[in-house]
Amino acid sequence: MLTQLAGPAQHEDLMELLDSSRVSDRGRILRAMAHAGGVPTELSLLREAREPAHAKDAVYAAGMSAHRDLAAMATSRELAGTATQRSADWWRNSGPAVTDPMGRLIPDDRGTEATGQTA
């Protein structure tokens, strides 16, 4: 429910919740943040990407947010050949799905505007 109802107005609350949450809730909070304006680039998603229980959520949040850690997820030797790496690579090729308030796509990690394709 959190992921469907969260919006930009809840972004600050989600950041606080992420800091104080149980490890088991982190994935759901990351997905909600992706729908609430994106995951801030200063928040590392690599730890969650390496954890099997949170990898899908971390890659989804990174992809939706055009997060800087997406490139590391796609090229990490530690994640080589995993579904996490393939998913991160897909997001890098497809582009992000989060738009700014003016309706423009957020620039991706290559410094260009994304293609406009959605997941």
PDB file of N, CA and C in Angstrom:
ATOM      1  N   MET A   1       0.821  -1.184   0.000  1.00  0.00           N
ATOM      2  CA  MET A   1       0.000   0.000   0.000  1.00  0.00           C
ATOM      3  C   MET A   1       0.870   1.253   0.000  1.00  0.00           C
ATOM      4  N   LEU A   2       1.962   1.215   0.750  1.00  0.00           N
ATOM      5  CA  LEU A   2       2.849   2.364   0.846  1.00  0.00           C
ATOM      6  C   LEU A   2       3.359   2.794  -0.518  1.00  0.00           C
ATOM      7  N   THR A   3       3.712   1.824  -1.368  1.00  0.00           N
ATOM      8  CA  THR A   3       4.275   2.169  -2.671  1.00  0.00           C
ATOM      9  C   THR A   3       3.252   2.812  -3.599  1.00  0.00           C
ATOM     10  N   GLN A   4       1.979   2.508  -3.431  1.00  0.00           N
ATOM     11  CA  GLN A   4       0.951   3.108  -4.283  1.00  0.00           C
ATOM     12  C   GLN A   4       0.508   4.479  -3.792  1.00  0.00           C
ATOM     13  N   LEU A   5       0.607   4.738  -2.520  1.00  0.00           N
ATOM     14  CA  LEU A   5       0.088   5.991  -1.970  1.00  0.00           C
ATOM     15  C   LEU A   5       1.144   7.072  -1.780  1.00  0.00           C
ATOM     16  N   ALA A   6       2.393   6.700  -1.777  1.00  0.00           N
ATOM     17  CA  ALA A   6       3.457   7.681  -1.543  1.00  0.00           C
ATOM     18  C   ALA A   6       3.583   8.621  -2.733  1.00  0.00           C
ATOM     19  N   GLY A   7       3.776   9.886  -2.419  1.00  0.00           N
ATOM     20  CA  GLY A   7       3.985  10.905  -3.432  1.00  0.00           C
ATOM     21  C   GLY A   7       5.047  11.869  -2.953  1.00  0.00           C
ATOM     22  N   PRO A   8       5.334  12.899  -3.735  1.00  0.00           N
ATOM     23  CA  PRO A   8       6.360  13.864  -3.353  1.00  0.00           C
ATOM     24  C   PRO A   8       6.170  14.465  -1.960  1.00  0.00           C
ATOM     25  N   ALA A   9       4.944  14.614  -1.533  1.00  0.00           N
ATOM     26  CA  ALA A   9       4.686  15.189  -0.204  1.00  0.00           C
ATOM     27  C   ALA A   9       5.172  14.271   0.921  1.00  0.00           C
ATOM     28  N   GLN A  10       5.336  12.997   0.650  1.00  0.00           N
ATOM     29  CA  GLN A  10       5.771  12.045   1.670  1.00  0.00           C
ATOM     30  C   GLN A  10       7.273  11.753   1.611  1.00  0.00           C
ATOM     31  N   HIS A  11       7.983  12.371   0.681  1.00  0.00           N
ATOM     32  CA  HIS A  11       9.397  12.045   0.472  1.00  0.00           C
ATOM     33  C   HIS A  11      10.226  12.221   1.742  1.00  0.00           C
ATOM     34  N   GLU A  12      10.085  13.328   2.419  1.00  0.00           N
ATOM     35  CA  GLU A  12      10.866  13.577   3.638  1.00  0.00           C
ATOM     36  C   GLU A  12      10.538  12.546   4.724  1.00  0.00           C
ATOM     37  N   ASP A  13       9.257  12.226   4.870  1.00  0.00           N
ATOM     38  CA  ASP A  13       8.854  11.218   5.850  1.00  0.00           C
ATOM     39  C   ASP A  13       9.448   9.853   5.518  1.00  0.00           C
ATOM     40  N   LEU A  14       9.499   9.523   4.223  1.00  0.00           N
ATOM     41  CA  LEU A  14      10.073   8.239   3.814  1.00  0.00           C
ATOM     42  C   LEU A  14      11.572   8.182   4.111  1.00  0.00           C
ATOM     43  N   MET A  15      12.265   9.299   3.940  1.00  0.00           N
ATOM     44  CA  MET A  15      13.696   9.336   4.270  1.00  0.00           C
ATOM     45  C   MET A  15      13.900   9.044   5.759  1.00  0.00           C
ATOM     46  N   GLU A  16      13.079   9.660   6.600  1.00  0.00           N
ATOM     47  CA  GLU A  16      13.176   9.413   8.042  1.00  0.00           C
ATOM     48  C   GLU A  16      12.831   7.955   8.363  1.00  0.00           C
ATOM     49  N   LEU A  17      11.817   7.446   7.720  1.00  0.00           N
ATOM     50  CA  LEU A  17      11.404   6.062   7.938  1.00  0.00           C
ATOM     51  C   LEU A  17      12.511   5.097   7.504  1.00  0.00           C
ATOM     52  N   LEU A  18      13.163   5.397   6.407  1.00  0.00           N
ATOM     53  CA  LEU A  18      14.254   4.549   5.933  1.00  0.00           C
ATOM     54  C   LEU A  18      15.387   4.500   6.955  1.00  0.00           C
ATOM     55  N   ASP A  19      15.698   5.627   7.534  1.00  0.00           N
ATOM     56  CA  ASP A  19      16.769   5.692   8.537  1.00  0.00           C
ATOM     57  C   ASP A  19      16.433   4.911   9.804  1.00  0.00           C
ATOM     58  N   SER A  20      15.162   4.874  10.160  1.00  0.00           N
ATOM     59  CA  SER A  20      14.768   4.253  11.423  1.00  0.00           C
ATOM     60  C   SER A  20      14.107   2.886  11.253  1.00  0.00           C
ATOM     61  N   SER A  21      14.008   2.394  10.045  1.00  0.00           N
ATOM     62  CA  SER A  21      13.244   1.172   9.801  1.00  0.00           C
ATOM     63  C   SER A  21      14.034  -0.100  10.075  1.00  0.00           C
ATOM     64  N   ARG A  22      13.288  -1.169  10.215  1.00  0.00           N
ATOM     65  CA  ARG A  22      13.889  -2.497  10.297  1.00  0.00           C
ATOM     66  C   ARG A  22      14.429  -2.842   8.909  1.00  0.00           C
ATOM     67  N   VAL A  23      15.427  -3.657   8.869  1.00  0.00           N
ATOM     68  CA  VAL A  23      16.033  -4.058   7.601  1.00  0.00           C
ATOM     69  C   VAL A  23      14.986  -4.673   6.672  1.00  0.00           C
ATOM     70  N   SER A  24      14.061  -5.420   7.220  1.00  0.00           N
ATOM     71  CA  SER A  24      13.058  -6.103   6.399  1.00  0.00           C
ATOM     72  C   SER A  24      12.120  -5.135   5.677  1.00  0.00           C
ATOM     73  N   ASP A  25      12.016  -3.903   6.130  1.00  0.00           N
ATOM     74  CA  ASP A  25      11.125  -2.926   5.505  1.00  0.00           C
ATOM     75  C   ASP A  25      11.806  -2.052   4.466  1.00  0.00           C
ATOM     76  N   ARG A  26      13.126  -2.119   4.361  1.00  0.00           N
ATOM     77  CA  ARG A  26      13.865  -1.213   3.493  1.00  0.00           C
ATOM     78  C   ARG A  26      13.436  -1.301   2.030  1.00  0.00           C
ATOM     79  N   GLY A  27      13.190  -2.492   1.534  1.00  0.00           N
ATOM     80  CA  GLY A  27      12.800  -2.660   0.135  1.00  0.00           C
ATOM     81  C   GLY A  27      11.507  -1.933  -0.191  1.00  0.00           C
ATOM     82  N   ARG A  28      10.518  -2.103   0.667  1.00  0.00           N
ATOM     83  CA  ARG A  28       9.228  -1.426   0.433  1.00  0.00           C
ATOM     84  C   ARG A  28       9.383   0.091   0.497  1.00  0.00           C
ATOM     85  N   ILE A  29      10.214   0.563   1.398  1.00  0.00           N
ATOM     86  CA  ILE A  29      10.423   2.006   1.531  1.00  0.00           C
ATOM     87  C   ILE A  29      11.152   2.546   0.302  1.00  0.00           C
ATOM     88  N   LEU A  30      12.135   1.806  -0.204  1.00  0.00           N
ATOM     89  CA  LEU A  30      12.845   2.240  -1.412  1.00  0.00           C
ATOM     90  C   LEU A  30      11.897   2.333  -2.603  1.00  0.00           C
ATOM     91  N   ARG A  31      11.004   1.353  -2.738  1.00  0.00           N
ATOM     92  CA  ARG A  31      10.027   1.411  -3.838  1.00  0.00           C
ATOM     93  C   ARG A  31       9.097   2.619  -3.680  1.00  0.00           C
ATOM     94  N   ALA A  32       8.680   2.870  -2.462  1.00  0.00           N
ATOM     95  CA  ALA A  32       7.818   4.033  -2.219  1.00  0.00           C
ATOM     96  C   ALA A  32       8.558   5.323  -2.554  1.00  0.00           C
ATOM     97  N   MET A  33       9.838   5.405  -2.195  1.00  0.00           N
ATOM     98  CA  MET A  33      10.622   6.601  -2.501  1.00  0.00           C
ATOM     99  C   MET A  33      10.732   6.809  -4.014  1.00  0.00           C
ATOM    100  N   ALA A  34      10.829   5.716  -4.756  1.00  0.00           N
ATOM    101  CA  ALA A  34      10.898   5.814  -6.211  1.00  0.00           C
ATOM    102  C   ALA A  34       9.641   6.474  -6.778  1.00  0.00           C
ATOM    103  N   HIS A  35       8.513   6.280  -6.107  1.00  0.00           N
ATOM    104  CA  HIS A  35       7.251   6.878  -6.551  1.00  0.00           C
ATOM    105  C   HIS A  35       6.997   8.234  -5.918  1.00  0.00           C
ATOM    106  N   ALA A  36       7.843   8.596  -4.976  1.00  0.00           N
ATOM    107  CA  ALA A  36       7.645   9.847  -4.234  1.00  0.00           C
ATOM    108  C   ALA A  36       8.715  10.883  -4.601  1.00  0.00           C
ATOM    109  N   GLY A  37       9.139  10.877  -5.841  1.00  0.00           N
ATOM    110  CA  GLY A  37      10.118  11.861  -6.282  1.00  0.00           C
ATOM    111  C   GLY A  37      11.504  11.306  -6.510  1.00  0.00           C
ATOM    112  N   GLY A  38      11.714  10.041  -6.214  1.00  0.00           N
ATOM    113  CA  GLY A  38      13.006   9.417  -6.472  1.00  0.00           C
ATOM    114  C   GLY A  38      13.884   9.301  -5.245  1.00  0.00           C
ATOM    115  N   VAL A  39      14.850   8.412  -5.341  1.00  0.00           N
ATOM    116  CA  VAL A  39      15.814   8.196  -4.267  1.00  0.00           C
ATOM    117  C   VAL A  39      16.942   9.214  -4.446  1.00  0.00           C
ATOM    118  N   PRO A  40      17.257   9.980  -3.419  1.00  0.00           N
ATOM    119  CA  PRO A  40      18.331  10.975  -3.537  1.00  0.00           C
ATOM    120  C   PRO A  40      19.662  10.307  -3.893  1.00  0.00           C
ATOM    121  N   THR A  41      20.460  10.958  -4.720  1.00  0.00           N
ATOM    122  CA  THR A  41      21.726  10.361  -5.154  1.00  0.00           C
ATOM    123  C   THR A  41      22.704  10.155  -4.008  1.00  0.00           C
ATOM    124  N   GLU A  42      22.587  10.946  -2.951  1.00  0.00           N
ATOM    125  CA  GLU A  42      23.516  10.773  -1.822  1.00  0.00           C
ATOM    126  C   GLU A  42      23.228   9.513  -1.004  1.00  0.00           C
ATOM    127  N   LEU A  43      22.090   8.884  -1.229  1.00  0.00           N
ATOM    128  CA  LEU A  43      21.746   7.642  -0.541  1.00  0.00           C
ATOM    129  C   LEU A  43      22.243   6.473  -1.385  1.00  0.00           C
ATOM    130  N   SER A  44      23.197   5.718  -0.875  1.00  0.00           N
ATOM    131  CA  SER A  44      23.753   4.591  -1.619  1.00  0.00           C
ATOM    132  C   SER A  44      22.760   3.432  -1.657  1.00  0.00           C
ATOM    133  N   LEU A  45      22.624   2.849  -2.836  1.00  0.00           N
ATOM    134  CA  LEU A  45      21.752   1.686  -3.009  1.00  0.00           C
ATOM    135  C   LEU A  45      22.545   0.403  -3.252  1.00  0.00           C
ATOM    136  N   LEU A  46      23.856   0.513  -3.243  1.00  0.00           N
ATOM    137  CA  LEU A  46      24.686  -0.657  -3.549  1.00  0.00           C
ATOM    138  C   LEU A  46      24.572  -1.761  -2.508  1.00  0.00           C
ATOM    139  N   ARG A  47      24.491  -1.394  -1.237  1.00  0.00           N
ATOM    140  CA  ARG A  47      24.369  -2.423  -0.191  1.00  0.00           C
ATOM    141  C   ARG A  47      23.109  -3.241  -0.400  1.00  0.00           C
ATOM    142  N   GLU A  48      21.985  -2.568  -0.655  1.00  0.00           N
ATOM    143  CA  GLU A  48      20.733  -3.296  -0.874  1.00  0.00           C
ATOM    144  C   GLU A  48      20.788  -4.125  -2.155  1.00  0.00           C
ATOM    145  N   ALA A  49      21.484  -3.631  -3.183  1.00  0.00           N
ATOM    146  CA  ALA A  49      21.593  -4.375  -4.444  1.00  0.00           C
ATOM    147  C   ALA A  49      22.346  -5.684  -4.256  1.00  0.00           C
ATOM    148  N   ARG A  50      23.226  -5.735  -3.267  1.00  0.00           N
ATOM    149  CA  ARG A  50      24.003  -6.952  -3.001  1.00  0.00           C
ATOM    150  C   ARG A  50      23.264  -7.941  -2.101  1.00  0.00           C
ATOM    151  N   GLU A  51      22.177  -7.488  -1.489  1.00  0.00           N
ATOM    152  CA  GLU A  51      21.396  -8.342  -0.586  1.00  0.00           C
ATOM    153  C   GLU A  51      20.257  -8.990  -1.375  1.00  0.00           C
ATOM    154  N   PRO A  52      20.245 -10.318  -1.471  1.00  0.00           N
ATOM    155  CA  PRO A  52      19.200 -10.979  -2.256  1.00  0.00           C
ATOM    156  C   PRO A  52      17.773 -10.555  -1.883  1.00  0.00           C
ATOM    157  N   ALA A  53      17.518 -10.301  -0.621  1.00  0.00           N
ATOM    158  CA  ALA A  53      16.165  -9.932  -0.190  1.00  0.00           C
ATOM    159  C   ALA A  53      15.747  -8.536  -0.672  1.00  0.00           C
ATOM    160  N   HIS A  54      16.714  -7.685  -0.992  1.00  0.00           N
ATOM    161  CA  HIS A  54      16.398  -6.300  -1.370  1.00  0.00           C
ATOM    162  C   HIS A  54      16.870  -5.916  -2.760  1.00  0.00           C
ATOM    163  N   ALA A  55      17.530  -6.814  -3.463  1.00  0.00           N
ATOM    164  CA  ALA A  55      18.131  -6.474  -4.752  1.00  0.00           C
ATOM    165  C   ALA A  55      17.111  -5.951  -5.761  1.00  0.00           C
ATOM    166  N   LYS A  56      15.981  -6.634  -5.904  1.00  0.00           N
ATOM    167  CA  LYS A  56      14.969  -6.188  -6.873  1.00  0.00           C
ATOM    168  C   LYS A  56      14.466  -4.791  -6.534  1.00  0.00           C
ATOM    169  N   ASP A  57      14.225  -4.544  -5.263  1.00  0.00           N
ATOM    170  CA  ASP A  57      13.732  -3.235  -4.839  1.00  0.00           C
ATOM    171  C   ASP A  57      14.783  -2.149  -5.055  1.00  0.00           C
ATOM    172  N   ALA A  58      16.032  -2.468  -4.784  1.00  0.00           N
ATOM    173  CA  ALA A  58      17.108  -1.490  -4.957  1.00  0.00           C
ATOM    174  C   ALA A  58      17.289  -1.126  -6.429  1.00  0.00           C
ATOM    175  N   VAL A  59      17.263  -2.121  -7.302  1.00  0.00           N
ATOM    176  CA  VAL A  59      17.415  -1.846  -8.736  1.00  0.00           C
ATOM    177  C   VAL A  59      16.201  -1.080  -9.256  1.00  0.00           C
ATOM    178  N   TYR A  60      15.021  -1.452  -8.837  1.00  0.00           N
ATOM    179  CA  TYR A  60      13.808  -0.734  -9.251  1.00  0.00           C
ATOM    180  C   TYR A  60      13.884   0.730  -8.818  1.00  0.00           C
ATOM    181  N   ALA A  61      14.231   0.956  -7.559  1.00  0.00           N
ATOM    182  CA  ALA A  61      14.320   2.323  -7.047  1.00  0.00           C
ATOM    183  C   ALA A  61      15.399   3.115  -7.792  1.00  0.00           C
ATOM    184  N   ALA A  62      16.527   2.481  -8.058  1.00  0.00           N
ATOM    185  CA  ALA A  62      17.606   3.150  -8.793  1.00  0.00           C
ATOM    186  C   ALA A  62      17.172   3.461 -10.220  1.00  0.00           C
ATOM    187  N   GLY A  63      16.513   2.502 -10.849  1.00  0.00           N
ATOM    188  CA  GLY A  63      16.062   2.711 -12.226  1.00  0.00           C
ATOM    189  C   GLY A  63      15.011   3.795 -12.351  1.00  0.00           C
ATOM    190  N   MET A  64      14.034   3.765 -11.488  1.00  0.00           N
ATOM    191  CA  MET A  64      12.979   4.778 -11.522  1.00  0.00           C
ATOM    192  C   MET A  64      13.520   6.175 -11.226  1.00  0.00           C
ATOM    193  N   SER A  65      14.602   6.235 -10.439  1.00  0.00           N
ATOM    194  CA  SER A  65      15.153   7.510  -9.986  1.00  0.00           C
ATOM    195  C   SER A  65      16.336   7.995 -10.810  1.00  0.00           C
ATOM    196  N   ALA A  66      16.758   7.229 -11.812  1.00  0.00           N
ATOM    197  CA  ALA A  66      17.988   7.544 -12.554  1.00  0.00           C
ATOM    198  C   ALA A  66      19.141   7.744 -11.571  1.00  0.00           C
ATOM    199  N   HIS A  67      19.211   6.873 -10.587  1.00  0.00           N
ATOM    200  CA  HIS A  67      20.182   6.987  -9.500  1.00  0.00           C
ATOM    201  C   HIS A  67      21.593   6.673  -9.997  1.00  0.00           C
ATOM    202  N   ARG A  68      22.583   7.363  -9.455  1.00  0.00           N
ATOM    203  CA  ARG A  68      23.980   7.188  -9.870  1.00  0.00           C
ATOM    204  C   ARG A  68      24.498   5.772  -9.617  1.00  0.00           C
ATOM    205  N   ASP A  69      23.954   5.055  -8.646  1.00  0.00           N
ATOM    206  CA  ASP A  69      24.416   3.699  -8.353  1.00  0.00           C
ATOM    207  C   ASP A  69      23.975   2.678  -9.402  1.00  0.00           C
ATOM    208  N   LEU A  70      23.088   3.048 -10.275  1.00  0.00           N
ATOM    209  CA  LEU A  70      22.622   2.125 -11.308  1.00  0.00           C
ATOM    210  C   LEU A  70      23.781   1.670 -12.192  1.00  0.00           C
ATOM    211  N   ALA A  71      24.672   2.577 -12.537  1.00  0.00           N
ATOM    212  CA  ALA A  71      25.827   2.215 -13.365  1.00  0.00           C
ATOM    213  C   ALA A  71      26.714   1.205 -12.646  1.00  0.00           C
ATOM    214  N   ALA A  72      26.928   1.400 -11.360  1.00  0.00           N
ATOM    215  CA  ALA A  72      27.752   0.459 -10.593  1.00  0.00           C
ATOM    216  C   ALA A  72      27.074  -0.906 -10.503  1.00  0.00           C
ATOM    217  N   MET A  73      25.759  -0.917 -10.353  1.00  0.00           N
ATOM    218  CA  MET A  73      25.038  -2.185 -10.302  1.00  0.00           C
ATOM    219  C   MET A  73      25.179  -2.938 -11.625  1.00  0.00           C
ATOM    220  N   ALA A  74      25.154  -2.205 -12.722  1.00  0.00           N
ATOM    221  CA  ALA A  74      25.215  -2.824 -14.050  1.00  0.00           C
ATOM    222  C   ALA A  74      26.613  -3.316 -14.409  1.00  0.00           C
ATOM    223  N   THR A  75      27.645  -2.769 -13.776  1.00  0.00           N
ATOM    224  CA  THR A  75      29.013  -3.118 -14.150  1.00  0.00           C
ATOM    225  C   THR A  75      29.813  -3.790 -13.041  1.00  0.00           C
ATOM    226  N   SER A  76      29.231  -3.971 -11.889  1.00  0.00           N
ATOM    227  CA  SER A  76      29.937  -4.547 -10.743  1.00  0.00           C
ATOM    228  C   SER A  76      30.381  -5.983 -11.007  1.00  0.00           C
ATOM    229  N   ARG A  77      31.655  -6.266 -10.737  1.00  0.00           N
ATOM    230  CA  ARG A  77      32.143  -7.646 -10.859  1.00  0.00           C
ATOM    231  C   ARG A  77      31.453  -8.556  -9.850  1.00  0.00           C
ATOM    232  N   GLU A  78      31.157  -7.996  -8.692  1.00  0.00           N
ATOM    233  CA  GLU A  78      30.495  -8.774  -7.638  1.00  0.00           C
ATOM    234  C   GLU A  78      29.103  -9.248  -8.081  1.00  0.00           C
ATOM    235  N   LEU A  79      28.446  -8.461  -8.937  1.00  0.00           N
ATOM    236  CA  LEU A  79      27.100  -8.804  -9.392  1.00  0.00           C
ATOM    237  C   LEU A  79      27.094  -9.425 -10.788  1.00  0.00           C
ATOM    238  N   ALA A  80      28.271  -9.703 -11.344  1.00  0.00           N
ATOM    239  CA  ALA A  80      28.387 -10.222 -12.715  1.00  0.00           C
ATOM    240  C   ALA A  80      27.528 -11.471 -12.921  1.00  0.00           C
ATOM    241  N   GLY A  81      26.729 -11.432 -13.984  1.00  0.00           N
ATOM    242  CA  GLY A  81      25.906 -12.568 -14.356  1.00  0.00           C
ATOM    243  C   GLY A  81      24.626 -12.752 -13.555  1.00  0.00           C
ATOM    244  N   THR A  82      24.350 -11.849 -12.617  1.00  0.00           N
ATOM    245  CA  THR A  82      23.152 -11.994 -11.783  1.00  0.00           C
ATOM    246  C   THR A  82      21.950 -11.300 -12.411  1.00  0.00           C
ATOM    247  N   ALA A  83      20.793 -11.665 -11.929  1.00  0.00           N
ATOM    248  CA  ALA A  83      19.566 -10.989 -12.362  1.00  0.00           C
ATOM    249  C   ALA A  83      19.618  -9.508 -11.973  1.00  0.00           C
ATOM    250  N   THR A  84      20.254  -9.204 -10.868  1.00  0.00           N
ATOM    251  CA  THR A  84      20.398  -7.809 -10.436  1.00  0.00           C
ATOM    252  C   THR A  84      21.156  -7.014 -11.477  1.00  0.00           C
ATOM    253  N   GLN A  85      22.239  -7.552 -11.971  1.00  0.00           N
ATOM    254  CA  GLN A  85      23.030  -6.847 -12.975  1.00  0.00           C
ATOM    255  C   GLN A  85      22.260  -6.720 -14.289  1.00  0.00           C
ATOM    256  N   ARG A  86      21.591  -7.757 -14.705  1.00  0.00           N
ATOM    257  CA  ARG A  86      20.809  -7.696 -15.954  1.00  0.00           C
ATOM    258  C   ARG A  86      19.694  -6.664 -15.842  1.00  0.00           C
ATOM    259  N   SER A  87      19.043  -6.614 -14.695  1.00  0.00           N
ATOM    260  CA  SER A  87      17.979  -5.637 -14.489  1.00  0.00           C
ATOM    261  C   SER A  87      18.533  -4.209 -14.499  1.00  0.00           C
ATOM    262  N   ALA A  88      19.656  -4.006 -13.834  1.00  0.00           N
ATOM    263  CA  ALA A  88      20.279  -2.672 -13.819  1.00  0.00           C
ATOM    264  C   ALA A  88      20.668  -2.248 -15.231  1.00  0.00           C
ATOM    265  N   ASP A  89      21.187  -3.175 -16.000  1.00  0.00           N
ATOM    266  CA  ASP A  89      21.561  -2.874 -17.376  1.00  0.00           C
ATOM    267  C   ASP A  89      20.325  -2.521 -18.207  1.00  0.00           C
ATOM    268  N   TRP A  90      19.231  -3.239 -17.976  1.00  0.00           N
ATOM    269  CA  TRP A  90      17.985  -2.928 -18.685  1.00  0.00           C
ATOM    270  C   TRP A  90      17.533  -1.494 -18.386  1.00  0.00           C
ATOM    271  N   TRP A  91      17.556  -1.117 -17.110  1.00  0.00           N
ATOM    272  CA  TRP A  91      17.163   0.245 -16.728  1.00  0.00           C
ATOM    273  C   TRP A  91      18.070   1.278 -17.385  1.00  0.00           C
ATOM    274  N   ARG A  92      19.369   1.011 -17.427  1.00  0.00           N
ATOM    275  CA  ARG A  92      20.301   1.957 -18.047  1.00  0.00           C
ATOM    276  C   ARG A  92      19.989   2.134 -19.519  1.00  0.00           C
ATOM    277  N   ASN A  93      19.617   1.052 -20.185  1.00  0.00           N
ATOM    278  CA  ASN A  93      19.302   1.137 -21.612  1.00  0.00           C
ATOM    279  C   ASN A  93      17.924   1.714 -21.879  1.00  0.00           C
ATOM    280  N   SER A  94      16.986   1.507 -20.977  1.00  0.00           N
ATOM    281  CA  SER A  94      15.605   1.956 -21.172  1.00  0.00           C
ATOM    282  C   SER A  94      15.366   3.370 -20.691  1.00  0.00           C
ATOM    283  N   GLY A  95      16.135   3.790 -19.700  1.00  0.00           N
ATOM    284  CA  GLY A  95      15.955   5.137 -19.153  1.00  0.00           C
ATOM    285  C   GLY A  95      15.037   5.122 -17.954  1.00  0.00           C
ATOM    286  N   PRO A  96      15.068   6.212 -17.206  1.00  0.00           N
ATOM    287  CA  PRO A  96      14.272   6.299 -15.977  1.00  0.00           C
ATOM    288  C   PRO A  96      12.801   6.545 -16.267  1.00  0.00           C
ATOM    289  N   ALA A  97      12.009   6.377 -15.228  1.00  0.00           N
ATOM    290  CA  ALA A  97      10.577   6.590 -15.364  1.00  0.00           C
ATOM    291  C   ALA A  97      10.064   7.697 -14.460  1.00  0.00           C
ATOM    292  N   VAL A  98      10.951   8.417 -13.811  1.00  0.00           N
ATOM    293  CA  VAL A  98      10.537   9.499 -12.925  1.00  0.00           C
ATOM    294  C   VAL A  98      10.697  10.826 -13.659  1.00  0.00           C
ATOM    295  N   THR A  99       9.680  11.649 -13.597  1.00  0.00           N
ATOM    296  CA  THR A  99       9.755  12.965 -14.242  1.00  0.00           C
ATOM    297  C   THR A  99       9.761  14.052 -13.180  1.00  0.00           C
ATOM    298  N   ASP A 100      10.295  15.194 -13.568  1.00  0.00           N
ATOM    299  CA  ASP A 100      10.285  16.306 -12.625  1.00  0.00           C
ATOM    300  C   ASP A 100       8.918  16.997 -12.672  1.00  0.00           C
ATOM    301  N   PRO A 101       8.646  17.964 -11.789  1.00  0.00           N
ATOM    302  CA  PRO A 101       7.329  18.601 -11.753  1.00  0.00           C
ATOM    303  C   PRO A 101       6.919  19.289 -13.062  1.00  0.00           C
ATOM    304  N   MET A 102       7.884  19.621 -13.908  1.00  0.00           N
ATOM    305  CA  MET A 102       7.574  20.257 -15.183  1.00  0.00           C
ATOM    306  C   MET A 102       7.274  19.222 -16.268  1.00  0.00           C
ATOM    307  N   GLY A 103       7.362  17.942 -15.904  1.00  0.00           N
ATOM    308  CA  GLY A 103       7.029  16.886 -16.842  1.00  0.00           C
ATOM    309  C   GLY A 103       8.188  16.426 -17.708  1.00  0.00           C
ATOM    310  N   ARG A 104       9.396  16.924 -17.462  1.00  0.00           N
ATOM    311  CA  ARG A 104      10.565  16.502 -18.232  1.00  0.00           C
ATOM    312  C   ARG A 104      11.187  15.292 -17.552  1.00  0.00           C
ATOM    313  N   LEU A 105      11.815  14.455 -18.336  1.00  0.00           N
ATOM    314  CA  LEU A 105      12.508  13.312 -17.758  1.00  0.00           C
ATOM    315  C   LEU A 105      13.773  13.788 -17.067  1.00  0.00           C
ATOM    316  N   ILE A 106      14.111  13.131 -15.980  1.00  0.00           N
ATOM    317  CA  ILE A 106      15.354  13.405 -15.263  1.00  0.00           C
ATOM    318  C   ILE A 106      16.512  12.940 -16.142  1.00  0.00           C
ATOM    319  N   PRO A 107      17.603  13.691 -16.244  1.00  0.00           N
ATOM    320  CA  PRO A 107      18.756  13.203 -17.021  1.00  0.00           C
ATOM    321  C   PRO A 107      19.287  11.913 -16.422  1.00  0.00           C
ATOM    322  N   ASP A 108      19.669  10.994 -17.299  1.00  0.00           N
ATOM    323  CA  ASP A 108      20.206   9.733 -16.799  1.00  0.00           C
ATOM    324  C   ASP A 108      21.688   9.876 -16.480  1.00  0.00           C
ATOM    325  N   ASP A 109      22.315   8.789 -16.049  1.00  0.00           N
ATOM    326  CA  ASP A 109      23.706   8.859 -15.594  1.00  0.00           C
ATOM    327  C   ASP A 109      24.703   9.072 -16.727  1.00  0.00           C
ATOM    328  N   ARG A 110      24.241   9.075 -17.968  1.00  0.00           N
ATOM    329  CA  ARG A 110      25.140   9.352 -19.092  1.00  0.00           C
ATOM    330  C   ARG A 110      25.124  10.832 -19.437  1.00  0.00           C
ATOM    331  N   GLY A 111      24.336  11.634 -18.681  1.00  0.00           N
ATOM    332  CA  GLY A 111      24.300  13.073 -18.910  1.00  0.00           C
ATOM    333  C   GLY A 111      23.355  13.498 -20.016  1.00  0.00           C
ATOM    334  N   THR A 112      22.506  12.603 -20.493  1.00  0.00           N
ATOM    335  CA  THR A 112      21.542  12.918 -21.521  1.00  0.00           C
ATOM    336  C   THR A 112      20.156  12.686 -20.970  1.00  0.00           C
ATOM    337  N   GLU A 113      19.176  13.259 -21.634  1.00  0.00           N
ATOM    338  CA  GLU A 113      17.809  12.964 -21.190  1.00  0.00           C
ATOM    339  C   GLU A 113      17.442  11.567 -21.648  1.00  0.00           C
ATOM    340  N   ALA A 114      16.721  10.877 -20.821  1.00  0.00           N
ATOM    341  CA  ALA A 114      16.323   9.502 -21.114  1.00  0.00           C
ATOM    342  C   ALA A 114      15.353   9.463 -22.287  1.00  0.00           C
ATOM    343  N   THR A 115      15.127   8.283 -22.791  1.00  0.00           N
ATOM    344  CA  THR A 115      14.342   8.089 -23.992  1.00  0.00           C
ATOM    345  C   THR A 115      12.852   8.308 -23.802  1.00  0.00           C
ATOM    346  N   GLY A 116      12.388   8.270 -22.587  1.00  0.00           N
ATOM    347  CA  GLY A 116      10.961   8.404 -22.346  1.00  0.00           C
ATOM    348  C   GLY A 116      10.266   7.058 -22.246  1.00  0.00           C
ATOM    349  N   GLN A 117      11.009   5.987 -22.422  1.00  0.00           N
ATOM    350  CA  GLN A 117      10.419   4.658 -22.270  1.00  0.00           C
ATOM    351  C   GLN A 117      10.190   4.402 -20.801  1.00  0.00           C
ATOM    352  N   THR A 118       9.160   3.674 -20.500  1.00  0.00           N
ATOM    353  CA  THR A 118       8.866   3.345 -19.107  1.00  0.00           C
ATOM    354  C   THR A 118       8.967   1.851 -18.905  1.00  0.00           C
ATOM    355  N   ALA A 119       9.072   1.489 -17.638  1.00  0.00           N
ATOM    356  CA  ALA A 119       9.199   0.066 -17.281  1.00  0.00           C
ATOM    357  C   ALA A 119       7.904  -0.660 -17.483  1.00  0.00           C
TER     358      ALA A 119
END
